[in-house]
N, C-alpha and C. Protein backbone atom coordinates (compact mmCIF):
# COMPACT_ATOMS: atom_id res chain seq x y z
N UNK A 1 113.85 160.32 76.41
CA UNK A 1 112.57 159.90 76.91
C UNK A 1 111.53 160.93 76.48
N UNK A 2 110.52 160.48 75.76
CA UNK A 2 109.44 161.35 75.32
C UNK A 2 108.28 161.25 76.30
N UNK A 3 107.92 162.39 76.86
CA UNK A 3 106.82 162.44 77.82
C UNK A 3 105.52 162.80 77.11
N UNK A 4 104.42 162.29 77.63
CA UNK A 4 103.10 162.67 77.15
C UNK A 4 102.63 163.86 77.98
N UNK A 5 101.65 164.57 77.47
CA UNK A 5 101.14 165.70 78.23
C UNK A 5 99.69 165.95 77.87
N UNK A 6 99.04 166.69 78.76
CA UNK A 6 97.72 167.22 78.48
C UNK A 6 97.73 168.66 78.98
N UNK A 7 96.59 169.27 79.17
CA UNK A 7 96.54 170.69 79.52
C UNK A 7 97.20 170.99 80.87
N UNK A 8 97.22 170.03 81.79
CA UNK A 8 97.67 170.33 83.15
C UNK A 8 98.77 169.44 83.69
N UNK A 9 99.27 168.51 82.88
CA UNK A 9 100.28 167.61 83.43
C UNK A 9 101.17 167.03 82.35
N UNK A 10 102.30 166.53 82.79
CA UNK A 10 103.25 165.82 81.95
C UNK A 10 103.41 164.45 82.58
N UNK A 11 103.44 163.39 81.78
CA UNK A 11 103.45 162.05 82.34
C UNK A 11 104.02 161.05 81.36
N UNK A 12 104.38 159.91 81.88
CA UNK A 12 104.79 158.75 81.09
C UNK A 12 104.33 157.52 81.87
N UNK A 13 103.19 156.98 81.50
CA UNK A 13 102.59 155.85 82.20
C UNK A 13 102.56 154.66 81.25
N UNK A 14 103.49 153.75 81.46
CA UNK A 14 103.58 152.55 80.62
C UNK A 14 103.31 151.32 81.46
N UNK A 15 102.59 150.38 80.87
CA UNK A 15 102.19 149.17 81.56
C UNK A 15 102.49 147.94 80.71
N UNK A 16 102.78 146.84 81.41
CA UNK A 16 102.96 145.53 80.78
C UNK A 16 101.80 144.68 81.26
N UNK A 17 100.96 144.25 80.34
CA UNK A 17 99.78 143.45 80.66
C UNK A 17 99.96 142.05 80.09
N UNK A 18 99.68 141.04 80.92
CA UNK A 18 99.70 139.65 80.48
C UNK A 18 98.30 139.09 80.71
N UNK A 19 97.68 138.62 79.63
CA UNK A 19 96.37 137.98 79.71
C UNK A 19 96.52 136.52 79.31
N UNK A 20 95.94 135.65 80.13
CA UNK A 20 96.10 134.21 79.94
C UNK A 20 94.76 133.60 79.57
N UNK A 21 94.79 132.68 78.63
CA UNK A 21 93.59 131.94 78.26
C UNK A 21 93.21 131.02 79.43
N UNK A 22 91.92 130.92 79.68
CA UNK A 22 91.42 130.10 80.79
C UNK A 22 91.99 128.68 80.70
N UNK A 23 92.49 128.21 81.82
CA UNK A 23 93.11 126.88 81.93
C UNK A 23 94.28 126.68 80.98
N UNK A 24 94.87 127.79 80.57
CA UNK A 24 96.05 127.77 79.69
C UNK A 24 95.81 126.97 78.40
N UNK A 25 94.59 127.05 77.90
CA UNK A 25 94.28 126.38 76.63
C UNK A 25 95.09 127.06 75.52
N UNK A 26 95.58 126.27 74.61
CA UNK A 26 96.46 126.76 73.55
C UNK A 26 95.61 127.13 72.33
N UNK A 27 95.17 128.38 72.28
CA UNK A 27 94.27 128.80 71.20
C UNK A 27 94.89 129.83 70.25
N UNK A 28 95.93 130.53 70.65
CA UNK A 28 96.46 131.60 69.81
C UNK A 28 97.34 131.07 68.69
N UNK A 29 97.12 131.64 67.52
CA UNK A 29 98.01 131.49 66.37
C UNK A 29 98.14 132.89 65.76
N UNK A 30 98.80 133.00 64.64
CA UNK A 30 99.02 134.33 64.05
C UNK A 30 97.71 135.07 63.75
N UNK A 31 96.73 134.37 63.16
CA UNK A 31 95.47 135.01 62.79
C UNK A 31 94.67 135.47 64.00
N UNK A 32 94.59 134.63 65.01
CA UNK A 32 93.83 134.98 66.21
C UNK A 32 94.53 136.11 66.95
N UNK A 33 95.85 136.05 67.03
CA UNK A 33 96.59 137.14 67.68
C UNK A 33 96.39 138.45 66.93
N UNK A 34 96.44 138.40 65.61
CA UNK A 34 96.25 139.62 64.81
C UNK A 34 94.88 140.22 65.08
N UNK A 35 93.85 139.39 65.13
CA UNK A 35 92.49 139.89 65.37
C UNK A 35 92.36 140.42 66.80
N UNK A 36 92.95 139.73 67.77
CA UNK A 36 92.92 140.19 69.17
C UNK A 36 93.60 141.56 69.29
N UNK A 37 94.67 141.74 68.56
CA UNK A 37 95.38 143.03 68.55
C UNK A 37 94.51 144.12 67.93
N UNK A 38 93.82 143.80 66.84
CA UNK A 38 92.92 144.78 66.21
C UNK A 38 91.82 145.22 67.16
N UNK A 39 91.27 144.27 67.90
CA UNK A 39 90.23 144.60 68.88
C UNK A 39 90.80 145.53 69.95
N UNK A 40 92.00 145.24 70.42
CA UNK A 40 92.67 146.09 71.41
C UNK A 40 92.80 147.51 70.86
N UNK A 41 93.30 147.63 69.64
CA UNK A 41 93.51 148.95 69.04
C UNK A 41 92.20 149.69 68.78
N UNK A 42 91.11 148.96 68.58
CA UNK A 42 89.82 149.59 68.36
C UNK A 42 89.24 150.15 69.66
N UNK A 43 89.39 149.41 70.76
CA UNK A 43 88.81 149.80 72.04
C UNK A 43 89.68 150.82 72.79
N UNK A 44 90.97 150.69 72.68
CA UNK A 44 91.90 151.46 73.52
C UNK A 44 91.75 152.99 73.44
N UNK A 45 91.48 153.60 72.29
CA UNK A 45 91.35 155.07 72.29
C UNK A 45 90.23 155.59 73.19
N UNK A 46 89.20 154.79 73.41
CA UNK A 46 88.10 155.21 74.30
C UNK A 46 88.57 155.37 75.74
N UNK A 47 89.71 154.78 76.07
CA UNK A 47 90.25 154.83 77.44
C UNK A 47 91.57 155.59 77.49
N UNK A 48 91.90 156.33 76.44
CA UNK A 48 93.18 157.06 76.36
C UNK A 48 94.37 156.12 76.54
N UNK A 49 94.31 154.99 75.87
CA UNK A 49 95.36 153.98 75.93
C UNK A 49 95.91 153.78 74.53
N UNK A 50 97.25 153.63 74.45
CA UNK A 50 97.92 153.46 73.17
C UNK A 50 98.80 152.21 73.22
N UNK A 51 98.59 151.34 72.27
CA UNK A 51 99.40 150.12 72.17
C UNK A 51 100.83 150.46 71.78
N UNK A 52 101.79 149.87 72.49
CA UNK A 52 103.20 150.06 72.17
C UNK A 52 103.84 148.78 71.62
N UNK A 53 103.48 147.66 72.20
CA UNK A 53 104.10 146.39 71.80
C UNK A 53 103.11 145.27 72.04
N UNK A 54 103.14 144.25 71.18
CA UNK A 54 102.22 143.12 71.26
C UNK A 54 102.96 141.86 70.88
N UNK A 55 102.77 140.79 71.64
CA UNK A 55 103.28 139.48 71.25
C UNK A 55 102.43 138.43 71.94
N UNK A 56 102.54 137.21 71.47
CA UNK A 56 101.70 136.15 72.01
C UNK A 56 102.44 134.83 72.05
N UNK A 57 101.93 133.95 72.87
CA UNK A 57 102.29 132.54 72.87
C UNK A 57 100.97 131.81 72.69
N UNK A 58 100.98 130.52 72.59
CA UNK A 58 99.75 129.77 72.30
C UNK A 58 98.67 129.97 73.36
N UNK A 59 99.08 130.25 74.61
CA UNK A 59 98.09 130.32 75.70
C UNK A 59 98.04 131.67 76.41
N UNK A 60 98.74 132.68 75.93
CA UNK A 60 98.68 134.00 76.56
C UNK A 60 99.21 135.08 75.62
N UNK A 61 98.92 136.34 76.00
CA UNK A 61 99.43 137.47 75.23
C UNK A 61 100.16 138.43 76.16
N UNK A 62 101.14 139.13 75.60
CA UNK A 62 101.88 140.18 76.31
C UNK A 62 101.62 141.48 75.57
N UNK A 63 101.29 142.52 76.34
CA UNK A 63 100.98 143.82 75.76
C UNK A 63 101.71 144.89 76.56
N UNK A 64 102.36 145.80 75.88
CA UNK A 64 102.86 147.01 76.53
C UNK A 64 102.04 148.16 75.97
N UNK A 65 101.49 148.97 76.87
CA UNK A 65 100.68 150.10 76.44
C UNK A 65 100.97 151.32 77.28
N UNK A 66 100.65 152.49 76.72
CA UNK A 66 100.76 153.76 77.43
C UNK A 66 99.36 154.23 77.78
N UNK A 67 99.24 154.92 78.91
CA UNK A 67 97.95 155.42 79.36
C UNK A 67 98.08 156.85 79.85
N UNK A 68 96.95 157.49 80.05
CA UNK A 68 96.87 158.84 80.62
C UNK A 68 96.52 158.73 82.10
N UNK A 69 96.79 159.75 82.88
CA UNK A 69 96.46 159.67 84.31
C UNK A 69 94.99 159.38 84.60
N UNK A 70 94.09 159.80 83.72
CA UNK A 70 92.67 159.56 83.95
C UNK A 70 92.17 158.25 83.35
N UNK A 71 93.04 157.47 82.74
CA UNK A 71 92.62 156.19 82.16
C UNK A 71 92.14 155.26 83.26
N UNK A 72 91.01 154.65 83.02
CA UNK A 72 90.47 153.67 83.96
C UNK A 72 90.91 152.29 83.48
N UNK A 73 92.09 151.91 83.93
CA UNK A 73 92.74 150.73 83.38
C UNK A 73 91.97 149.44 83.66
N UNK A 74 91.47 149.26 84.86
CA UNK A 74 90.73 148.02 85.15
C UNK A 74 89.46 147.94 84.32
N UNK A 75 88.79 149.07 84.10
CA UNK A 75 87.59 149.07 83.24
C UNK A 75 87.98 148.74 81.80
N UNK A 76 89.10 149.28 81.35
CA UNK A 76 89.56 148.97 80.01
C UNK A 76 89.86 147.48 79.86
N UNK A 77 90.58 146.92 80.81
CA UNK A 77 90.94 145.50 80.73
C UNK A 77 89.67 144.64 80.69
N UNK A 78 88.71 144.95 81.54
CA UNK A 78 87.45 144.19 81.53
C UNK A 78 86.71 144.35 80.20
N UNK A 79 86.67 145.57 79.67
CA UNK A 79 86.00 145.79 78.38
C UNK A 79 86.71 145.03 77.27
N UNK A 80 88.04 145.06 77.29
CA UNK A 80 88.80 144.34 76.26
C UNK A 80 88.59 142.83 76.36
N UNK A 81 88.68 142.31 77.56
CA UNK A 81 88.51 140.87 77.73
C UNK A 81 87.11 140.43 77.28
N UNK A 82 86.11 141.20 77.62
CA UNK A 82 84.74 140.86 77.25
C UNK A 82 84.54 140.91 75.73
N UNK A 83 84.94 142.01 75.11
CA UNK A 83 84.76 142.16 73.66
C UNK A 83 85.58 141.15 72.88
N UNK A 84 86.85 140.99 73.27
CA UNK A 84 87.70 140.07 72.52
C UNK A 84 87.22 138.63 72.67
N UNK A 85 86.78 138.25 73.85
CA UNK A 85 86.27 136.90 74.05
C UNK A 85 85.07 136.64 73.13
N UNK A 86 84.13 137.56 73.15
CA UNK A 86 82.92 137.41 72.34
C UNK A 86 83.26 137.37 70.84
N UNK A 87 84.06 138.32 70.38
CA UNK A 87 84.36 138.41 68.95
C UNK A 87 85.25 137.28 68.46
N UNK A 88 86.25 136.92 69.23
CA UNK A 88 87.15 135.85 68.79
C UNK A 88 86.42 134.51 68.69
N UNK A 89 85.55 134.21 69.66
CA UNK A 89 84.79 132.96 69.59
C UNK A 89 83.81 132.96 68.42
N UNK A 90 83.27 134.13 68.10
CA UNK A 90 82.33 134.24 66.98
C UNK A 90 83.05 134.11 65.64
N UNK A 91 84.20 134.79 65.51
CA UNK A 91 84.91 134.82 64.23
C UNK A 91 85.80 133.61 63.99
N UNK A 92 86.18 132.93 65.06
CA UNK A 92 87.01 131.72 64.95
C UNK A 92 86.31 130.59 65.72
N UNK A 93 85.29 129.99 65.14
CA UNK A 93 84.49 128.98 65.87
C UNK A 93 85.32 127.80 66.38
N UNK A 94 86.46 127.54 65.74
CA UNK A 94 87.30 126.43 66.19
C UNK A 94 87.84 126.65 67.61
N UNK A 95 87.85 127.89 68.05
CA UNK A 95 88.31 128.20 69.41
C UNK A 95 87.46 127.47 70.44
N UNK A 96 86.16 127.43 70.19
CA UNK A 96 85.23 126.82 71.17
C UNK A 96 85.59 125.37 71.45
N UNK A 97 86.14 124.67 70.47
CA UNK A 97 86.49 123.27 70.68
C UNK A 97 87.71 123.12 71.59
N UNK A 98 88.49 124.19 71.71
CA UNK A 98 89.69 124.15 72.54
C UNK A 98 89.45 124.64 73.97
N UNK A 99 88.31 125.29 74.18
CA UNK A 99 88.00 125.85 75.49
C UNK A 99 87.22 124.86 76.33
N UNK A 100 87.28 125.07 77.64
CA UNK A 100 86.46 124.31 78.55
C UNK A 100 85.33 125.22 78.96
N UNK A 101 84.12 124.84 78.68
CA UNK A 101 82.94 125.68 78.86
C UNK A 101 83.05 126.87 77.91
N UNK A 102 82.49 128.01 78.29
CA UNK A 102 82.48 129.19 77.42
C UNK A 102 83.57 130.20 77.75
N UNK A 103 84.33 129.97 78.80
CA UNK A 103 85.31 130.95 79.24
C UNK A 103 86.50 131.01 78.29
N UNK A 104 86.84 132.23 77.87
CA UNK A 104 88.02 132.41 77.02
C UNK A 104 89.21 132.84 77.86
N UNK A 105 89.08 133.95 78.57
CA UNK A 105 90.18 134.48 79.38
C UNK A 105 90.10 133.98 80.82
N UNK A 106 91.25 133.82 81.42
CA UNK A 106 91.30 133.60 82.86
C UNK A 106 90.77 134.86 83.54
N UNK A 107 90.16 134.68 84.69
CA UNK A 107 89.63 135.83 85.43
C UNK A 107 90.76 136.77 85.86
N UNK A 108 91.90 136.22 86.18
CA UNK A 108 93.02 137.03 86.66
C UNK A 108 93.86 137.55 85.49
N UNK A 109 94.70 138.51 85.79
CA UNK A 109 95.65 139.03 84.81
C UNK A 109 96.85 139.57 85.57
N UNK A 110 97.92 139.83 84.84
CA UNK A 110 99.12 140.41 85.41
C UNK A 110 99.30 141.79 84.79
N UNK A 111 99.39 142.82 85.63
CA UNK A 111 99.60 144.19 85.16
C UNK A 111 100.77 144.77 85.93
N UNK A 112 101.80 145.16 85.21
CA UNK A 112 103.01 145.70 85.81
C UNK A 112 103.28 147.08 85.23
N UNK A 113 103.77 147.97 86.07
CA UNK A 113 104.21 149.26 85.54
C UNK A 113 105.61 149.10 84.98
N UNK A 114 105.91 149.89 83.99
CA UNK A 114 107.25 149.88 83.43
C UNK A 114 107.81 151.28 83.57
N UNK A 115 109.07 151.44 83.37
CA UNK A 115 109.66 152.76 83.51
C UNK A 115 111.00 152.82 82.84
N UNK A 116 111.52 154.01 82.78
CA UNK A 116 112.83 154.22 82.16
C UNK A 116 113.97 153.84 83.10
N UNK A 117 113.71 153.80 84.40
CA UNK A 117 114.76 153.50 85.37
C UNK A 117 114.24 152.50 86.40
N UNK A 118 115.12 151.66 86.92
CA UNK A 118 114.71 150.75 87.99
C UNK A 118 114.27 151.53 89.23
N UNK A 119 113.39 150.97 90.01
CA UNK A 119 112.84 151.64 91.20
C UNK A 119 113.95 152.06 92.16
N UNK A 120 115.02 151.27 92.24
CA UNK A 120 116.12 151.61 93.15
C UNK A 120 116.78 152.93 92.75
N UNK A 121 116.91 153.18 91.44
CA UNK A 121 117.51 154.42 90.96
C UNK A 121 116.61 155.61 91.30
N UNK A 122 115.31 155.43 91.12
CA UNK A 122 114.36 156.50 91.45
C UNK A 122 114.37 156.78 92.95
N UNK A 123 114.38 155.73 93.77
CA UNK A 123 114.42 155.91 95.23
C UNK A 123 115.67 156.69 95.64
N UNK A 124 116.82 156.33 95.07
CA UNK A 124 118.07 157.02 95.39
C UNK A 124 118.00 158.49 94.96
N UNK A 125 117.41 158.75 93.81
CA UNK A 125 117.24 160.13 93.33
C UNK A 125 116.39 160.94 94.31
N UNK A 126 115.28 160.36 94.74
CA UNK A 126 114.39 161.07 95.67
C UNK A 126 115.08 161.29 97.01
N UNK A 127 115.78 160.27 97.50
CA UNK A 127 116.46 160.40 98.79
C UNK A 127 117.53 161.48 98.75
N UNK A 128 118.12 161.73 97.58
CA UNK A 128 119.19 162.71 97.48
C UNK A 128 118.73 164.11 97.16
N UNK A 129 117.45 164.35 97.08
CA UNK A 129 116.96 165.67 96.66
C UNK A 129 117.35 166.79 97.62
N UNK A 130 117.21 166.60 98.92
CA UNK A 130 117.55 167.69 99.84
C UNK A 130 119.06 167.93 99.92
N UNK A 131 119.85 166.97 99.52
CA UNK A 131 121.30 167.13 99.52
C UNK A 131 121.75 168.13 98.45
N UNK A 132 121.01 168.23 97.36
CA UNK A 132 121.39 169.13 96.27
C UNK A 132 121.24 170.59 96.66
N UNK A 133 120.29 170.89 97.52
CA UNK A 133 120.06 172.28 97.91
C UNK A 133 120.70 172.59 99.26
N UNK A 134 121.28 171.59 99.90
CA UNK A 134 121.89 171.72 101.22
C UNK A 134 120.91 172.22 102.26
N UNK A 135 119.65 171.99 102.05
CA UNK A 135 118.63 172.37 103.02
C UNK A 135 118.11 171.11 103.69
N UNK A 136 117.98 171.15 104.99
CA UNK A 136 117.43 169.98 105.67
C UNK A 136 115.96 169.83 105.32
N UNK A 137 115.53 168.59 105.21
CA UNK A 137 114.13 168.30 104.91
C UNK A 137 113.33 168.40 106.19
N UNK A 138 112.23 169.11 106.14
CA UNK A 138 111.34 169.21 107.29
C UNK A 138 109.98 168.73 106.87
N UNK A 139 109.42 167.83 107.67
CA UNK A 139 108.09 167.32 107.36
C UNK A 139 107.05 167.97 108.22
């Protein structure tokens, strides 16, 4: 496991983001997905975010990315959705015929944290910490 670091901390913050086209309209193809990915990669460094994995279906995209502790993830997601919506509709005018009104992205999104171990393993590790030193835990 490779950890990221800065001057004062070590971290590994990975997220799985799912963005859905408004009303599940089927607009993505290889070209549109490629351009959406380019927009993501252009904006993400401003938020200390790094793309790890990208894939799409006709009506949504899946993204795995890494972030820093100071990354403002909700601001990044809003900036990405706004820029990508504007640019994709401009560069691929056929998209507008598939959308209802002007909305490209659904207002909601799914953001999940990812990790190297299931939460149950981490909980068990934390619960067993005082057992290793044979010292009772005092709060």
